Amino acid sequence: MREAVSFRVSSKGVIINFNSQKSFEEIKEALLNRIEEAGDFFAGIDLYINQNDCIFSLEEMKELINILEKYKRVDNIYFLNEKSRVKPRTMDTILINRTIRSGQRIKYPANIVVIGDINPGAEVIAGGDILVIGKLRGVVHAGAAGSMESQVIALKLQPTQLRIGTIFSRSPDDKRFLQPVNPERAYIKDGIIIVEELQLK
C-alpha cells in the first residue's frame, strides 16, 4: 500500500509526493510524523511539494505550509502539481575516495559511494543509497529524507547501526554473526530491514 507521502531526492532538492488516494488528514499526519525523524536533514535544502492532483482548500494549504516550515532550516518551499508517473531515479552521487574515520560525519542529499572503510564512530547519512567499497563498521542512514526504497551495500557489512528510511537495526551482540564473507545488501521488505548476500553475476 502506498504511503500518504513519499520522498524523492533530485539534484535540485527533495521532492515530497502526496498520494492523491489519501485524505488530507492522512497526508497531514504523515508529514507531522516525519518531522522528528528528519532531524536537521533538510537544512539548507529546497523542498518541492508535488500535490499529484490533490485538491486542498486555502485553509488546508496554510496548515500544510505551517507543518513544512517546522522542518528544521529548510531553504525554500515550492509547490508543484505533476501527475505521478514511474520513471527511473536520477539522483546525483558523491564519491568519497578515502576512509571515514571515528568522529567524522558525512551527509549528502543523494547517493554516497565510499571507496574505503567507514570506521566505528563514523557516521554517513545519505538521502539515497550508500555503497561502501570496503568495511562498513560505523553508523549509516540511507534514505534519510524518508525513502524506504534506498539500500546499503558493502563489501563487509558490519555496521554499528544501520538505518534505512524510518527503519533501523543494530548488529547482533554475538560476534559470530559479524563476519560476512561476501558483499551484502540491506534493504527494506515488509517493514523490516533485510540483509542478504549480494548476488554477483
N, C-alpha and C. Protein backbone atom coordinates (compact mmCIF):
# COMPACT_ATOMS: atom_id res chain seq x y z
N MET A 1 0.84 -1.19 0.00
CA MET A 1 0.00 0.00 0.00
C MET A 1 0.88 1.25 0.00
N ARG A 2 0.62 2.19 -0.89
CA ARG A 2 1.43 3.40 -0.94
C ARG A 2 1.17 4.28 0.28
N GLU A 3 2.24 4.90 0.73
CA GLU A 3 2.12 5.78 1.88
C GLU A 3 1.48 7.10 1.47
N ALA A 4 1.04 7.86 2.47
CA ALA A 4 0.38 9.14 2.18
C ALA A 4 1.35 10.14 1.57
N VAL A 5 2.60 10.09 1.99
CA VAL A 5 3.63 10.95 1.40
C VAL A 5 4.87 10.10 1.14
N SER A 6 5.59 10.43 0.10
CA SER A 6 6.86 9.76 -0.18
C SER A 6 7.88 10.82 -0.56
N PHE A 7 9.15 10.50 -0.35
CA PHE A 7 10.22 11.45 -0.58
C PHE A 7 11.10 10.96 -1.73
N ARG A 8 11.53 11.90 -2.56
CA ARG A 8 12.46 11.56 -3.65
C ARG A 8 13.49 12.68 -3.74
N VAL A 9 14.74 12.26 -3.88
CA VAL A 9 15.82 13.24 -3.95
C VAL A 9 16.14 13.55 -5.40
N SER A 10 16.27 14.80 -5.74
CA SER A 10 16.70 15.21 -7.08
C SER A 10 17.91 16.12 -6.92
N SER A 11 18.50 16.48 -8.03
CA SER A 11 19.68 17.36 -7.98
C SER A 11 19.31 18.75 -7.47
N LYS A 12 18.00 19.10 -7.50
CA LYS A 12 17.58 20.43 -7.06
C LYS A 12 17.21 20.48 -5.59
N GLY A 13 16.87 19.33 -5.04
CA GLY A 13 16.43 19.29 -3.64
C GLY A 13 15.66 18.02 -3.37
N VAL A 14 14.73 18.10 -2.44
CA VAL A 14 13.92 16.94 -2.07
C VAL A 14 12.47 17.17 -2.52
N ILE A 15 11.92 16.21 -3.25
CA ILE A 15 10.54 16.29 -3.72
C ILE A 15 9.66 15.44 -2.80
N ILE A 16 8.63 16.04 -2.23
CA ILE A 16 7.67 15.31 -1.41
C ILE A 16 6.42 15.09 -2.23
N ASN A 17 6.11 13.83 -2.52
CA ASN A 17 4.93 13.49 -3.31
C ASN A 17 3.76 13.16 -2.40
N PHE A 18 2.61 13.80 -2.65
CA PHE A 18 1.40 13.46 -1.92
C PHE A 18 0.65 12.36 -2.69
N ASN A 19 0.08 11.44 -1.95
CA ASN A 19 -0.72 10.36 -2.54
C ASN A 19 -2.17 10.84 -2.66
N SER A 20 -2.64 10.99 -3.89
CA SER A 20 -3.98 11.54 -4.11
C SER A 20 -5.08 10.59 -3.64
N GLN A 21 -4.72 9.33 -3.32
CA GLN A 21 -5.71 8.38 -2.82
C GLN A 21 -5.94 8.53 -1.31
N LYS A 22 -5.11 9.37 -0.69
CA LYS A 22 -5.21 9.55 0.76
C LYS A 22 -5.96 10.85 1.07
N SER A 23 -6.53 10.91 2.26
CA SER A 23 -7.26 12.10 2.69
C SER A 23 -6.28 13.18 3.16
N PHE A 24 -6.80 14.39 3.27
CA PHE A 24 -5.97 15.49 3.78
C PHE A 24 -5.44 15.16 5.16
N GLU A 25 -6.27 14.59 6.03
CA GLU A 25 -5.85 14.26 7.39
C GLU A 25 -4.72 13.24 7.39
N GLU A 26 -4.80 12.25 6.49
CA GLU A 26 -3.74 11.24 6.42
C GLU A 26 -2.42 11.87 5.96
N ILE A 27 -2.51 12.77 4.97
CA ILE A 27 -1.30 13.45 4.48
C ILE A 27 -0.71 14.33 5.58
N LYS A 28 -1.56 15.05 6.25
CA LYS A 28 -1.10 15.94 7.33
C LYS A 28 -0.42 15.13 8.43
N GLU A 29 -1.02 14.02 8.83
CA GLU A 29 -0.44 13.19 9.89
C GLU A 29 0.91 12.62 9.46
N ALA A 30 1.00 12.20 8.19
CA ALA A 30 2.27 11.63 7.70
C ALA A 30 3.38 12.68 7.74
N LEU A 31 3.05 13.92 7.34
CA LEU A 31 4.06 14.99 7.38
C LEU A 31 4.49 15.28 8.82
N LEU A 32 3.53 15.31 9.73
CA LEU A 32 3.86 15.57 11.13
C LEU A 32 4.75 14.47 11.70
N ASN A 33 4.47 13.22 11.33
CA ASN A 33 5.25 12.10 11.84
C ASN A 33 6.70 12.14 11.36
N ARG A 34 6.90 12.69 10.16
CA ARG A 34 8.24 12.70 9.58
C ARG A 34 9.13 13.81 10.13
N ILE A 35 8.56 14.81 10.77
CA ILE A 35 9.36 15.96 11.21
C ILE A 35 10.45 15.54 12.18
N GLU A 36 10.07 14.79 13.22
CA GLU A 36 11.06 14.40 14.22
C GLU A 36 12.09 13.46 13.62
N GLU A 37 11.63 12.57 12.73
CA GLU A 37 12.56 11.62 12.12
C GLU A 37 13.56 12.32 11.22
N ALA A 38 13.14 13.41 10.58
CA ALA A 38 14.01 14.10 9.62
C ALA A 38 15.15 14.83 10.32
N GLY A 39 14.97 15.21 11.60
CA GLY A 39 16.02 15.96 12.29
C GLY A 39 16.38 17.20 11.51
N ASP A 40 17.67 17.42 11.31
CA ASP A 40 18.10 18.59 10.53
C ASP A 40 18.52 18.21 9.12
N PHE A 41 17.99 17.06 8.66
CA PHE A 41 18.41 16.59 7.33
C PHE A 41 18.10 17.60 6.23
N PHE A 42 17.01 18.35 6.37
CA PHE A 42 16.61 19.27 5.30
C PHE A 42 17.30 20.63 5.40
N ALA A 43 18.22 20.77 6.34
CA ALA A 43 18.90 22.06 6.50
C ALA A 43 19.58 22.48 5.20
N GLY A 44 19.25 23.66 4.72
CA GLY A 44 19.87 24.19 3.51
C GLY A 44 19.36 23.57 2.22
N ILE A 45 18.28 22.80 2.29
CA ILE A 45 17.75 22.11 1.10
C ILE A 45 16.41 22.72 0.70
N ASP A 46 16.17 22.81 -0.60
CA ASP A 46 14.87 23.26 -1.10
C ASP A 46 13.90 22.08 -1.11
N LEU A 47 12.67 22.33 -0.67
CA LEU A 47 11.62 21.30 -0.70
C LEU A 47 10.65 21.59 -1.85
N TYR A 48 10.35 20.57 -2.65
CA TYR A 48 9.38 20.70 -3.74
C TYR A 48 8.18 19.80 -3.39
N ILE A 49 7.03 20.40 -3.24
CA ILE A 49 5.84 19.66 -2.85
C ILE A 49 5.02 19.35 -4.09
N ASN A 50 4.95 18.06 -4.43
CA ASN A 50 4.18 17.63 -5.60
C ASN A 50 2.80 17.17 -5.13
N GLN A 51 1.77 17.93 -5.45
CA GLN A 51 0.42 17.64 -4.95
C GLN A 51 -0.21 16.43 -5.62
N ASN A 52 0.26 16.07 -6.84
CA ASN A 52 -0.29 14.89 -7.53
C ASN A 52 -1.81 14.94 -7.63
N ASP A 53 -2.36 16.05 -8.03
CA ASP A 53 -3.81 16.20 -8.22
C ASP A 53 -4.60 16.24 -6.92
N CYS A 54 -3.93 16.31 -5.78
CA CYS A 54 -4.65 16.52 -4.52
C CYS A 54 -5.21 17.95 -4.54
N ILE A 55 -6.44 18.11 -4.14
CA ILE A 55 -7.06 19.44 -4.12
C ILE A 55 -7.31 19.83 -2.67
N PHE A 56 -6.75 20.96 -2.28
CA PHE A 56 -6.87 21.42 -0.90
C PHE A 56 -7.54 22.79 -0.87
N SER A 57 -8.22 23.06 0.22
CA SER A 57 -8.76 24.40 0.42
C SER A 57 -7.64 25.33 0.84
N LEU A 58 -7.92 26.62 0.85
CA LEU A 58 -6.91 27.60 1.26
C LEU A 58 -6.46 27.33 2.69
N GLU A 59 -7.41 27.01 3.57
CA GLU A 59 -7.06 26.74 4.96
C GLU A 59 -6.18 25.49 5.08
N GLU A 60 -6.50 24.47 4.28
CA GLU A 60 -5.68 23.25 4.33
C GLU A 60 -4.27 23.54 3.83
N MET A 61 -4.15 24.36 2.78
CA MET A 61 -2.82 24.73 2.27
C MET A 61 -2.02 25.44 3.35
N LYS A 62 -2.67 26.33 4.07
CA LYS A 62 -1.99 27.05 5.14
C LYS A 62 -1.50 26.08 6.21
N GLU A 63 -2.33 25.07 6.53
CA GLU A 63 -1.93 24.07 7.53
C GLU A 63 -0.69 23.30 7.08
N LEU A 64 -0.69 22.92 5.80
CA LEU A 64 0.45 22.16 5.28
C LEU A 64 1.72 23.00 5.30
N ILE A 65 1.60 24.26 4.91
CA ILE A 65 2.78 25.15 4.91
C ILE A 65 3.31 25.31 6.33
N ASN A 66 2.39 25.47 7.29
CA ASN A 66 2.82 25.60 8.69
C ASN A 66 3.59 24.36 9.15
N ILE A 67 3.13 23.18 8.72
CA ILE A 67 3.82 21.94 9.09
C ILE A 67 5.19 21.88 8.43
N LEU A 68 5.23 22.20 7.13
CA LEU A 68 6.50 22.10 6.39
C LEU A 68 7.54 23.07 6.94
N GLU A 69 7.08 24.20 7.44
CA GLU A 69 8.02 25.18 7.99
C GLU A 69 8.64 24.69 9.30
N LYS A 70 8.07 23.62 9.88
CA LYS A 70 8.65 23.06 11.11
C LYS A 70 9.85 22.18 10.82
N TYR A 71 10.02 21.76 9.56
CA TYR A 71 11.23 21.02 9.20
C TYR A 71 12.40 21.98 9.37
N LYS A 72 13.42 21.54 10.06
CA LYS A 72 14.47 22.45 10.50
C LYS A 72 15.25 23.06 9.35
N ARG A 73 15.28 24.36 9.29
CA ARG A 73 16.15 25.15 8.42
C ARG A 73 16.03 24.78 6.94
N VAL A 74 14.79 24.53 6.49
CA VAL A 74 14.57 24.33 5.06
C VAL A 74 14.82 25.65 4.34
N ASP A 75 15.48 25.59 3.19
CA ASP A 75 15.79 26.81 2.46
C ASP A 75 14.53 27.44 1.87
N ASN A 76 13.92 26.76 0.89
CA ASN A 76 12.72 27.27 0.22
C ASN A 76 11.72 26.14 0.05
N ILE A 77 10.44 26.50 -0.03
CA ILE A 77 9.38 25.51 -0.26
C ILE A 77 8.63 25.89 -1.54
N TYR A 78 8.56 24.96 -2.48
CA TYR A 78 7.86 25.19 -3.75
C TYR A 78 6.73 24.18 -3.88
N PHE A 79 5.63 24.59 -4.47
CA PHE A 79 4.51 23.67 -4.73
C PHE A 79 4.45 23.35 -6.22
N LEU A 80 4.34 22.05 -6.52
CA LEU A 80 4.22 21.58 -7.90
C LEU A 80 2.86 20.89 -8.03
N ASN A 81 2.49 20.54 -9.23
CA ASN A 81 1.30 19.71 -9.42
C ASN A 81 1.50 18.84 -10.64
N GLU A 82 2.47 17.92 -10.51
CA GLU A 82 2.76 17.00 -11.60
C GLU A 82 2.07 15.68 -11.32
N LYS A 83 1.51 15.05 -12.35
CA LYS A 83 0.90 13.75 -12.16
C LYS A 83 1.99 12.73 -11.88
N SER A 84 1.68 11.84 -10.94
CA SER A 84 2.66 10.82 -10.57
C SER A 84 2.92 9.90 -11.74
N ARG A 85 4.15 9.61 -11.99
CA ARG A 85 4.48 8.69 -13.06
C ARG A 85 5.76 7.95 -12.69
N VAL A 86 5.87 6.74 -13.18
CA VAL A 86 7.03 5.93 -12.87
C VAL A 86 8.15 6.33 -13.80
N LYS A 87 9.27 6.65 -13.25
CA LYS A 87 10.43 6.97 -14.06
C LYS A 87 11.68 6.61 -13.27
N PRO A 88 12.76 6.35 -13.95
CA PRO A 88 13.96 5.94 -13.24
C PRO A 88 14.44 7.01 -12.29
N ARG A 89 15.01 6.56 -11.17
CA ARG A 89 15.54 7.52 -10.24
C ARG A 89 16.82 8.12 -10.81
N THR A 90 16.87 9.42 -10.86
CA THR A 90 18.04 10.10 -11.42
C THR A 90 18.61 11.01 -10.33
N MET A 91 19.33 10.42 -9.43
CA MET A 91 19.89 11.20 -8.35
C MET A 91 21.39 11.36 -8.56
N ASP A 92 21.89 12.43 -8.08
CA ASP A 92 23.32 12.66 -8.12
C ASP A 92 24.01 11.75 -7.11
N THR A 93 25.29 11.53 -7.32
CA THR A 93 26.07 10.68 -6.44
C THR A 93 27.38 11.38 -6.10
N ILE A 94 27.78 11.30 -4.83
CA ILE A 94 29.07 11.83 -4.43
C ILE A 94 30.00 10.66 -4.19
N LEU A 95 31.24 10.78 -4.66
CA LEU A 95 32.24 9.73 -4.49
C LEU A 95 33.27 10.20 -3.46
N ILE A 96 33.46 9.39 -2.43
CA ILE A 96 34.43 9.72 -1.38
C ILE A 96 35.53 8.67 -1.43
N ASN A 97 36.70 9.12 -1.82
CA ASN A 97 37.80 8.17 -2.05
C ASN A 97 38.76 8.15 -0.86
N ARG A 98 38.25 7.81 0.29
CA ARG A 98 39.07 7.73 1.50
C ARG A 98 38.28 7.01 2.59
N THR A 99 38.96 6.64 3.64
CA THR A 99 38.30 6.03 4.80
C THR A 99 37.67 7.12 5.68
N ILE A 100 36.46 6.86 6.16
CA ILE A 100 35.78 7.78 7.06
C ILE A 100 36.12 7.34 8.48
N ARG A 101 36.82 8.19 9.19
CA ARG A 101 37.35 7.80 10.50
C ARG A 101 36.40 8.17 11.63
N SER A 102 36.67 7.60 12.82
CA SER A 102 35.85 7.87 14.02
C SER A 102 35.74 9.37 14.26
N GLY A 103 34.52 9.82 14.53
CA GLY A 103 34.27 11.23 14.79
C GLY A 103 33.91 12.03 13.55
N GLN A 104 34.13 11.46 12.37
CA GLN A 104 33.80 12.16 11.13
C GLN A 104 32.35 11.85 10.74
N ARG A 105 31.69 12.84 10.12
CA ARG A 105 30.29 12.70 9.73
C ARG A 105 30.13 13.20 8.30
N ILE A 106 29.61 12.35 7.44
CA ILE A 106 29.37 12.70 6.05
C ILE A 106 27.87 12.72 5.82
N LYS A 107 27.38 13.80 5.23
CA LYS A 107 25.95 13.92 4.95
C LYS A 107 25.78 14.48 3.55
N TYR A 108 24.90 13.82 2.76
CA TYR A 108 24.71 14.26 1.38
C TYR A 108 23.26 13.94 0.98
N PRO A 109 22.59 14.84 0.24
CA PRO A 109 21.16 14.62 -0.04
C PRO A 109 20.86 13.56 -1.10
N ALA A 110 21.87 12.98 -1.73
CA ALA A 110 21.62 11.93 -2.73
C ALA A 110 22.44 10.69 -2.38
N ASN A 111 22.98 9.98 -3.40
CA ASN A 111 23.72 8.74 -3.13
C ASN A 111 25.14 9.04 -2.66
N ILE A 112 25.68 8.14 -1.85
CA ILE A 112 27.07 8.26 -1.40
C ILE A 112 27.81 6.96 -1.72
N VAL A 113 28.95 7.09 -2.39
CA VAL A 113 29.83 5.95 -2.63
C VAL A 113 31.14 6.21 -1.90
N VAL A 114 31.51 5.27 -1.02
CA VAL A 114 32.76 5.40 -0.27
C VAL A 114 33.71 4.31 -0.75
N ILE A 115 34.86 4.75 -1.27
CA ILE A 115 35.92 3.78 -1.63
C ILE A 115 36.90 3.81 -0.47
N GLY A 116 36.69 2.93 0.47
CA GLY A 116 37.46 2.92 1.71
C GLY A 116 36.56 2.34 2.79
N ASP A 117 36.98 2.45 4.02
CA ASP A 117 36.20 1.91 5.12
C ASP A 117 35.40 3.02 5.82
N ILE A 118 34.33 2.63 6.50
CA ILE A 118 33.64 3.51 7.44
C ILE A 118 33.92 2.93 8.82
N ASN A 119 34.79 3.59 9.56
CA ASN A 119 35.26 3.04 10.84
C ASN A 119 34.22 3.20 11.95
N PRO A 120 34.32 2.40 13.01
CA PRO A 120 33.43 2.59 14.17
C PRO A 120 33.56 4.02 14.69
N GLY A 121 32.42 4.64 15.01
CA GLY A 121 32.43 6.02 15.49
C GLY A 121 32.22 7.03 14.38
N ALA A 122 32.25 6.59 13.12
CA ALA A 122 31.98 7.47 11.99
C ALA A 122 30.51 7.36 11.61
N GLU A 123 30.00 8.38 10.92
CA GLU A 123 28.58 8.40 10.56
C GLU A 123 28.42 8.89 9.12
N VAL A 124 27.63 8.16 8.35
CA VAL A 124 27.37 8.53 6.96
C VAL A 124 25.86 8.57 6.75
N ILE A 125 25.37 9.71 6.26
CA ILE A 125 23.93 9.92 6.08
C ILE A 125 23.69 10.30 4.63
N ALA A 126 22.82 9.56 3.95
CA ALA A 126 22.54 9.81 2.54
C ALA A 126 21.04 9.93 2.30
N GLY A 127 20.66 10.81 1.41
CA GLY A 127 19.25 10.88 1.01
C GLY A 127 18.87 9.70 0.14
N GLY A 128 19.86 9.10 -0.53
CA GLY A 128 19.61 7.96 -1.40
C GLY A 128 20.32 6.71 -0.88
N ASP A 129 21.05 6.02 -1.79
CA ASP A 129 21.71 4.77 -1.44
C ASP A 129 23.11 5.04 -0.89
N ILE A 130 23.66 4.03 -0.20
CA ILE A 130 25.04 4.08 0.28
C ILE A 130 25.76 2.83 -0.21
N LEU A 131 26.87 3.04 -0.90
CA LEU A 131 27.68 1.93 -1.39
C LEU A 131 29.08 2.08 -0.80
N VAL A 132 29.56 1.03 -0.14
CA VAL A 132 30.87 1.09 0.50
C VAL A 132 31.77 0.02 -0.11
N ILE A 133 32.81 0.48 -0.77
CA ILE A 133 33.80 -0.47 -1.32
C ILE A 133 34.86 -0.63 -0.24
N GLY A 134 34.49 -1.34 0.79
CA GLY A 134 35.36 -1.52 1.94
C GLY A 134 34.54 -2.06 3.10
N LYS A 135 35.05 -1.87 4.31
CA LYS A 135 34.36 -2.35 5.51
C LYS A 135 33.46 -1.25 6.07
N LEU A 136 32.20 -1.60 6.31
CA LEU A 136 31.25 -0.66 6.90
C LEU A 136 31.08 -1.06 8.36
N ARG A 137 31.67 -0.28 9.27
CA ARG A 137 31.61 -0.63 10.69
C ARG A 137 31.09 0.52 11.56
N GLY A 138 30.66 1.62 10.93
CA GLY A 138 30.14 2.75 11.67
C GLY A 138 28.62 2.81 11.60
N VAL A 139 28.10 4.02 11.69
CA VAL A 139 26.65 4.26 11.63
C VAL A 139 26.30 4.79 10.25
N VAL A 140 25.30 4.18 9.62
CA VAL A 140 24.87 4.67 8.30
C VAL A 140 23.36 4.83 8.28
N HIS A 141 22.91 5.82 7.52
CA HIS A 141 21.48 6.08 7.34
C HIS A 141 21.24 6.36 5.87
N ALA A 142 20.66 5.40 5.17
CA ALA A 142 20.29 5.58 3.76
C ALA A 142 18.82 6.00 3.70
N GLY A 143 18.47 6.75 2.64
CA GLY A 143 17.08 7.21 2.53
C GLY A 143 16.70 8.14 3.65
N ALA A 144 17.64 8.99 4.06
CA ALA A 144 17.41 9.84 5.24
C ALA A 144 16.29 10.85 5.03
N ALA A 145 15.93 11.09 3.78
CA ALA A 145 14.82 12.00 3.50
C ALA A 145 13.48 11.29 3.64
N GLY A 146 13.52 9.99 3.94
CA GLY A 146 12.28 9.24 4.14
C GLY A 146 12.05 8.15 3.12
N SER A 147 12.98 7.98 2.16
CA SER A 147 12.80 6.94 1.13
C SER A 147 12.97 5.55 1.73
N MET A 148 11.95 4.71 1.55
CA MET A 148 12.02 3.33 2.04
C MET A 148 12.54 2.40 0.94
N GLU A 149 12.90 2.96 -0.20
CA GLU A 149 13.41 2.14 -1.31
C GLU A 149 14.92 2.17 -1.39
N SER A 150 15.54 2.93 -0.52
CA SER A 150 17.00 3.02 -0.55
C SER A 150 17.63 1.73 -0.04
N GLN A 151 18.93 1.59 -0.28
CA GLN A 151 19.62 0.39 0.13
C GLN A 151 21.05 0.71 0.53
N VAL A 152 21.65 -0.22 1.26
CA VAL A 152 23.04 -0.09 1.69
C VAL A 152 23.78 -1.34 1.21
N ILE A 153 24.91 -1.12 0.54
CA ILE A 153 25.71 -2.24 0.04
C ILE A 153 27.14 -2.04 0.52
N ALA A 154 27.76 -3.11 0.99
CA ALA A 154 29.15 -3.01 1.43
C ALA A 154 29.86 -4.33 1.19
N LEU A 155 31.17 -4.23 0.98
CA LEU A 155 31.95 -5.46 0.84
C LEU A 155 31.95 -6.23 2.16
N LYS A 156 32.04 -5.51 3.27
CA LYS A 156 31.94 -6.12 4.60
C LYS A 156 30.91 -5.30 5.37
N LEU A 157 29.73 -5.82 5.50
CA LEU A 157 28.62 -5.09 6.12
C LEU A 157 28.57 -5.41 7.62
N GLN A 158 29.20 -4.56 8.42
CA GLN A 158 29.27 -4.78 9.87
C GLN A 158 28.93 -3.48 10.61
N PRO A 159 27.79 -2.85 10.34
CA PRO A 159 27.52 -1.52 10.92
C PRO A 159 27.22 -1.58 12.41
N THR A 160 27.61 -0.49 13.09
CA THR A 160 27.20 -0.33 14.48
C THR A 160 25.70 -0.12 14.53
N GLN A 161 25.22 0.71 13.61
CA GLN A 161 23.78 0.93 13.47
C GLN A 161 23.47 1.15 12.00
N LEU A 162 22.42 0.53 11.55
CA LEU A 162 22.01 0.63 10.15
C LEU A 162 20.59 1.16 10.11
N ARG A 163 20.38 2.23 9.33
CA ARG A 163 19.04 2.79 9.22
C ARG A 163 18.72 3.04 7.76
N ILE A 164 17.51 2.66 7.37
CA ILE A 164 17.03 2.93 6.01
C ILE A 164 15.65 3.57 6.15
N GLY A 165 15.49 4.75 5.58
CA GLY A 165 14.23 5.47 5.75
C GLY A 165 13.96 5.69 7.23
N THR A 166 12.85 5.18 7.71
CA THR A 166 12.50 5.34 9.12
C THR A 166 12.72 4.06 9.93
N ILE A 167 13.31 3.05 9.30
CA ILE A 167 13.52 1.76 9.97
C ILE A 167 15.00 1.64 10.35
N PHE A 168 15.30 1.18 11.55
CA PHE A 168 16.70 1.00 11.92
C PHE A 168 16.91 -0.34 12.58
N SER A 169 18.16 -0.79 12.56
CA SER A 169 18.52 -2.04 13.23
C SER A 169 19.95 -1.91 13.72
N ARG A 170 20.29 -2.74 14.68
CA ARG A 170 21.64 -2.79 15.21
C ARG A 170 22.23 -4.16 14.93
N SER A 171 23.55 -4.24 14.88
CA SER A 171 24.19 -5.53 14.69
C SER A 171 24.00 -6.37 15.93
N PRO A 172 23.88 -7.67 15.76
CA PRO A 172 23.74 -8.54 16.95
C PRO A 172 25.01 -8.49 17.79
N ASP A 173 24.84 -8.63 19.10
CA ASP A 173 25.99 -8.61 20.00
C ASP A 173 26.91 -9.80 19.81
N ASP A 174 26.32 -10.91 19.38
CA ASP A 174 27.11 -12.12 19.18
C ASP A 174 28.05 -11.91 17.99
N LYS A 175 29.34 -11.82 18.25
CA LYS A 175 30.32 -11.51 17.21
C LYS A 175 30.40 -12.57 16.12
N ARG A 176 29.85 -13.75 16.41
CA ARG A 176 29.89 -14.80 15.37
C ARG A 176 29.11 -14.38 14.14
N PHE A 177 28.13 -13.42 14.33
CA PHE A 177 27.31 -13.02 13.20
C PHE A 177 27.91 -11.82 12.47
N LEU A 178 29.11 -11.39 12.87
CA LEU A 178 29.66 -10.15 12.32
C LEU A 178 30.81 -10.40 11.37
N GLN A 179 30.87 -11.55 10.80
CA GLN A 179 31.99 -11.85 9.93
C GLN A 179 31.51 -12.19 8.51
N PRO A 180 30.96 -11.22 7.78
CA PRO A 180 30.49 -11.52 6.43
C PRO A 180 31.66 -11.90 5.53
N VAL A 181 31.42 -12.85 4.67
CA VAL A 181 32.47 -13.31 3.76
C VAL A 181 32.34 -12.62 2.42
N ASN A 182 31.11 -12.43 1.99
CA ASN A 182 30.86 -11.83 0.68
C ASN A 182 30.16 -10.48 0.82
N PRO A 183 30.13 -9.67 -0.27
CA PRO A 183 29.39 -8.40 -0.22
C PRO A 183 27.93 -8.66 0.12
N GLU A 184 27.35 -7.71 0.87
CA GLU A 184 25.96 -7.86 1.29
C GLU A 184 25.17 -6.59 0.96
N ARG A 185 23.87 -6.78 0.89
CA ARG A 185 22.95 -5.67 0.60
C ARG A 185 21.87 -5.62 1.66
N ALA A 186 21.58 -4.42 2.16
CA ALA A 186 20.50 -4.24 3.13
C ALA A 186 19.41 -3.40 2.49
N TYR A 187 18.17 -3.82 2.65
CA TYR A 187 17.04 -3.09 2.08
C TYR A 187 15.80 -3.40 2.92
N ILE A 188 14.73 -2.69 2.65
CA ILE A 188 13.50 -2.88 3.43
C ILE A 188 12.52 -3.76 2.66
N LYS A 189 12.00 -4.74 3.37
CA LYS A 189 10.95 -5.59 2.80
C LYS A 189 9.93 -5.86 3.90
N ASP A 190 8.68 -5.60 3.60
CA ASP A 190 7.59 -5.82 4.57
C ASP A 190 7.85 -5.12 5.90
N GLY A 191 8.43 -3.94 5.83
CA GLY A 191 8.60 -3.12 7.02
C GLY A 191 9.80 -3.46 7.89
N ILE A 192 10.65 -4.39 7.45
CA ILE A 192 11.86 -4.70 8.23
C ILE A 192 13.08 -4.66 7.31
N ILE A 193 14.24 -4.48 7.91
CA ILE A 193 15.47 -4.44 7.13
C ILE A 193 15.97 -5.86 6.88
N ILE A 194 16.15 -6.17 5.63
CA ILE A 194 16.65 -7.48 5.21
C ILE A 194 18.11 -7.32 4.80
N VAL A 195 18.97 -8.22 5.26
CA VAL A 195 20.38 -8.23 4.83
C VAL A 195 20.61 -9.55 4.11
N GLU A 196 21.09 -9.45 2.89
CA GLU A 196 21.32 -10.67 2.13
C GLU A 196 22.62 -10.56 1.36
N GLU A 197 23.17 -11.70 1.06
CA GLU A 197 24.41 -11.73 0.28
C GLU A 197 24.13 -11.20 -1.12
N LEU A 198 25.02 -10.36 -1.59
CA LEU A 198 24.83 -9.76 -2.91
C LEU A 198 25.15 -10.78 -3.99
N GLN A 199 24.21 -10.98 -4.88
CA GLN A 199 24.42 -11.94 -5.96
C GLN A 199 25.12 -11.25 -7.12
N LEU A 200 26.36 -11.62 -7.37
CA LEU A 200 27.13 -11.03 -8.46
C LEU A 200 27.18 -12.01 -9.61
N LYS A 201 26.75 -11.56 -10.78
CA LYS A 201 26.75 -12.46 -11.95
C LYS A 201 27.83 -12.06 -12.93
